[in-house]
């Protein structure tokens, strides 16, 4: 499960998590999108808050886990 999924399963908003973790909403968003380089201290806070063991969390880009990636379309010029 991703960090975003763990947060949502707990019924928390990013704003609530940011306040409880003493971090900015942008920081929480950043690590929900790509948790590969999340600082260990923040990870421990989030896992405790979400009551989820770390072996249940996917670490990396969320788009890889979910299979969703943004595709940019370019106009072909004639």
N, C-alpha and C. Protein backbone atom coordinates (compact mmCIF):
# COMPACT_ATOMS: atom_id res chain seq x y z
N UNK A 1 0.84 -1.16 0.00
CA UNK A 1 0.00 0.00 0.00
C UNK A 1 0.89 1.24 0.00
N UNK A 2 0.42 2.30 -0.60
CA UNK A 2 1.18 3.54 -0.64
C UNK A 2 0.92 4.34 0.63
N UNK A 3 1.76 5.34 0.88
CA UNK A 3 1.54 6.21 2.03
C UNK A 3 0.20 6.94 1.91
N UNK A 4 -0.16 7.35 0.71
CA UNK A 4 -1.46 8.01 0.50
C UNK A 4 -2.60 7.07 0.88
N UNK A 5 -2.53 5.82 0.44
CA UNK A 5 -3.57 4.84 0.76
C UNK A 5 -3.65 4.61 2.27
N UNK A 6 -2.51 4.54 2.93
CA UNK A 6 -2.49 4.35 4.38
C UNK A 6 -3.15 5.54 5.08
N UNK A 7 -2.87 6.75 4.62
CA UNK A 7 -3.47 7.96 5.20
C UNK A 7 -4.98 7.95 5.01
N UNK A 8 -5.40 7.66 3.79
CA UNK A 8 -6.84 7.65 3.49
C UNK A 8 -7.55 6.57 4.29
N UNK A 9 -6.92 5.41 4.45
CA UNK A 9 -7.52 4.33 5.24
C UNK A 9 -7.73 4.74 6.69
N UNK A 10 -6.92 5.67 7.18
CA UNK A 10 -7.07 6.18 8.55
C UNK A 10 -8.07 7.32 8.63
N UNK A 11 -8.57 7.77 7.49
CA UNK A 11 -9.54 8.85 7.49
C UNK A 11 -8.94 10.22 7.75
N UNK A 12 -7.65 10.36 7.44
CA UNK A 12 -6.96 11.63 7.69
C UNK A 12 -6.75 12.41 6.40
N UNK A 13 -6.78 13.72 6.50
CA UNK A 13 -6.45 14.58 5.37
C UNK A 13 -4.95 14.88 5.41
N UNK A 14 -4.43 15.37 4.30
CA UNK A 14 -3.02 15.77 4.29
C UNK A 14 -2.77 16.87 5.31
N UNK A 15 -3.73 17.77 5.44
CA UNK A 15 -3.59 18.88 6.38
C UNK A 15 -3.48 18.37 7.82
N UNK A 16 -4.31 17.39 8.16
CA UNK A 16 -4.26 16.82 9.52
C UNK A 16 -2.93 16.12 9.76
N UNK A 17 -2.48 15.37 8.78
CA UNK A 17 -1.19 14.67 8.91
C UNK A 17 -0.05 15.67 9.04
N UNK A 18 -0.06 16.69 8.21
CA UNK A 18 1.00 17.71 8.26
C UNK A 18 1.05 18.37 9.63
N UNK A 19 -0.09 18.71 10.18
CA UNK A 19 -0.14 19.33 11.50
C UNK A 19 0.39 18.40 12.57
N UNK A 20 -0.07 17.16 12.56
CA UNK A 20 0.36 16.18 13.57
C UNK A 20 1.84 15.85 13.45
N UNK A 21 2.36 15.84 12.22
CA UNK A 21 3.77 15.49 11.99
C UNK A 21 4.68 16.72 12.05
N UNK A 22 4.08 17.89 12.20
CA UNK A 22 4.83 19.15 12.23
C UNK A 22 5.63 19.36 10.94
N UNK A 23 4.96 19.06 9.83
CA UNK A 23 5.53 19.23 8.49
C UNK A 23 4.57 20.03 7.64
N UNK A 24 5.01 20.49 6.50
CA UNK A 24 4.12 21.21 5.59
C UNK A 24 3.29 20.21 4.78
N UNK A 25 2.17 20.70 4.28
CA UNK A 25 1.32 19.87 3.41
C UNK A 25 2.11 19.47 2.17
N UNK A 26 2.92 20.38 1.65
CA UNK A 26 3.74 20.07 0.47
C UNK A 26 4.72 18.92 0.75
N UNK A 27 5.26 18.88 1.95
CA UNK A 27 6.18 17.78 2.31
C UNK A 27 5.44 16.45 2.33
N UNK A 28 4.27 16.43 2.92
CA UNK A 28 3.48 15.20 2.96
C UNK A 28 3.12 14.77 1.54
N UNK A 29 2.70 15.72 0.71
CA UNK A 29 2.35 15.42 -0.69
C UNK A 29 3.56 14.85 -1.43
N UNK A 30 4.71 15.46 -1.22
CA UNK A 30 5.94 15.01 -1.90
C UNK A 30 6.24 13.55 -1.59
N UNK A 31 6.17 13.18 -0.31
CA UNK A 31 6.51 11.80 0.04
C UNK A 31 5.38 10.82 -0.25
N UNK A 32 4.15 11.30 -0.39
CA UNK A 32 3.09 10.41 -0.86
C UNK A 32 3.28 10.10 -2.34
N UNK A 33 3.81 11.04 -3.08
CA UNK A 33 4.04 10.85 -4.51
C UNK A 33 5.26 9.98 -4.77
N UNK A 34 6.32 10.18 -3.99
CA UNK A 34 7.55 9.40 -4.14
C UNK A 34 8.20 9.23 -2.78
N UNK A 35 8.01 8.08 -2.19
CA UNK A 35 8.51 7.83 -0.83
C UNK A 35 9.89 7.17 -0.81
N UNK A 36 10.55 7.12 -1.95
CA UNK A 36 11.85 6.44 -2.03
C UNK A 36 12.89 7.04 -1.09
N UNK A 37 12.87 8.36 -0.93
CA UNK A 37 13.88 9.03 -0.11
C UNK A 37 13.30 9.68 1.15
N UNK A 38 12.22 9.13 1.68
CA UNK A 38 11.60 9.70 2.87
C UNK A 38 12.55 9.58 4.06
N UNK A 39 12.72 10.65 4.82
CA UNK A 39 13.57 10.56 6.01
C UNK A 39 13.00 9.55 7.02
N UNK A 40 13.87 8.80 7.63
CA UNK A 40 13.44 7.73 8.55
C UNK A 40 12.58 8.27 9.69
N UNK A 41 12.94 9.44 10.23
CA UNK A 41 12.16 9.97 11.36
C UNK A 41 10.73 10.30 10.94
N UNK A 42 10.54 10.84 9.74
CA UNK A 42 9.19 11.14 9.26
C UNK A 42 8.44 9.83 8.98
N UNK A 43 9.12 8.87 8.42
CA UNK A 43 8.49 7.57 8.14
C UNK A 43 7.96 6.94 9.43
N UNK A 44 8.75 6.97 10.48
CA UNK A 44 8.33 6.39 11.76
C UNK A 44 7.09 7.11 12.29
N UNK A 45 7.08 8.43 12.19
CA UNK A 45 5.91 9.21 12.63
C UNK A 45 4.67 8.81 11.84
N UNK A 46 4.80 8.72 10.52
CA UNK A 46 3.65 8.38 9.68
C UNK A 46 3.16 6.96 9.92
N UNK A 47 4.08 6.02 10.01
CA UNK A 47 3.68 4.63 10.24
C UNK A 47 2.98 4.47 11.58
N UNK A 48 3.45 5.19 12.58
CA UNK A 48 2.81 5.16 13.90
C UNK A 48 1.41 5.79 13.83
N UNK A 49 1.32 6.92 13.14
CA UNK A 49 0.04 7.61 12.99
C UNK A 49 -0.96 6.74 12.23
N UNK A 50 -0.50 6.07 11.20
CA UNK A 50 -1.37 5.25 10.36
C UNK A 50 -1.56 3.83 10.92
N UNK A 51 -0.78 3.48 11.93
CA UNK A 51 -0.82 2.15 12.55
C UNK A 51 -0.64 1.05 11.50
N UNK A 52 0.45 1.22 10.72
CA UNK A 52 0.76 0.28 9.64
C UNK A 52 2.24 -0.11 9.76
N UNK A 53 2.56 -1.42 9.68
CA UNK A 53 3.97 -1.81 9.69
C UNK A 53 4.64 -1.45 8.37
N UNK A 54 5.93 -1.15 8.44
CA UNK A 54 6.64 -0.68 7.25
C UNK A 54 6.68 -1.72 6.13
N UNK A 55 6.57 -3.01 6.45
CA UNK A 55 6.60 -4.01 5.39
C UNK A 55 5.32 -3.99 4.54
N UNK A 56 4.32 -3.25 4.98
CA UNK A 56 3.08 -3.13 4.20
C UNK A 56 3.07 -1.90 3.31
N UNK A 57 4.13 -1.10 3.39
CA UNK A 57 4.19 0.15 2.63
C UNK A 57 5.09 -0.02 1.41
N UNK A 58 4.61 0.47 0.28
CA UNK A 58 5.41 0.51 -0.94
C UNK A 58 6.29 1.75 -0.89
N UNK A 59 7.59 1.58 -1.10
CA UNK A 59 8.52 2.71 -1.13
C UNK A 59 8.98 2.95 -2.55
N UNK A 60 8.68 4.10 -3.06
CA UNK A 60 9.03 4.47 -4.42
C UNK A 60 7.99 5.41 -4.97
N UNK A 61 7.97 5.53 -6.28
CA UNK A 61 7.01 6.42 -6.93
C UNK A 61 5.64 5.77 -6.92
N UNK A 62 4.67 6.54 -6.46
CA UNK A 62 3.30 6.04 -6.38
C UNK A 62 2.79 5.57 -7.73
N UNK A 63 3.18 6.25 -8.79
CA UNK A 63 2.69 5.89 -10.13
C UNK A 63 3.16 4.50 -10.55
N UNK A 64 4.30 4.06 -10.04
CA UNK A 64 4.79 2.71 -10.36
C UNK A 64 3.91 1.68 -9.66
N UNK A 65 3.55 1.94 -8.41
CA UNK A 65 2.72 1.01 -7.63
C UNK A 65 1.31 0.93 -8.21
N UNK A 66 0.74 2.08 -8.55
CA UNK A 66 -0.65 2.11 -8.99
C UNK A 66 -0.81 1.83 -10.46
N UNK A 67 0.29 1.88 -11.23
CA UNK A 67 0.21 1.66 -12.66
C UNK A 67 -0.26 2.89 -13.41
N UNK A 68 -0.35 4.01 -12.71
CA UNK A 68 -0.80 5.26 -13.33
C UNK A 68 0.39 6.15 -13.57
N UNK A 69 0.50 6.64 -14.77
CA UNK A 69 1.53 7.63 -15.06
C UNK A 69 0.93 8.66 -16.00
N UNK A 70 1.41 9.85 -15.88
CA UNK A 70 0.92 10.91 -16.74
C UNK A 70 1.59 10.82 -18.09
N UNK A 71 0.79 10.88 -19.11
CA UNK A 71 1.31 10.81 -20.46
C UNK A 71 1.17 12.19 -21.08
N UNK A 72 2.24 12.70 -21.60
CA UNK A 72 2.20 13.99 -22.26
C UNK A 72 2.03 13.78 -23.75
N UNK A 73 1.05 14.43 -24.28
CA UNK A 73 0.80 14.33 -25.71
C UNK A 73 1.35 15.56 -26.40
N UNK A 74 2.06 15.36 -27.46
CA UNK A 74 2.61 16.46 -28.23
C UNK A 74 1.88 16.53 -29.55
N UNK A 75 1.60 17.76 -29.95
CA UNK A 75 0.96 17.97 -31.25
C UNK A 75 1.98 17.72 -32.34
N UNK A 76 1.57 17.01 -33.34
CA UNK A 76 2.45 16.80 -34.49
C UNK A 76 2.28 17.99 -35.40
N UNK A 77 3.38 18.50 -35.85
CA UNK A 77 3.31 19.62 -36.78
C UNK A 77 3.52 19.11 -38.18
N UNK A 78 2.78 19.66 -39.11
CA UNK A 78 2.87 19.18 -40.50
C UNK A 78 3.92 19.95 -41.24
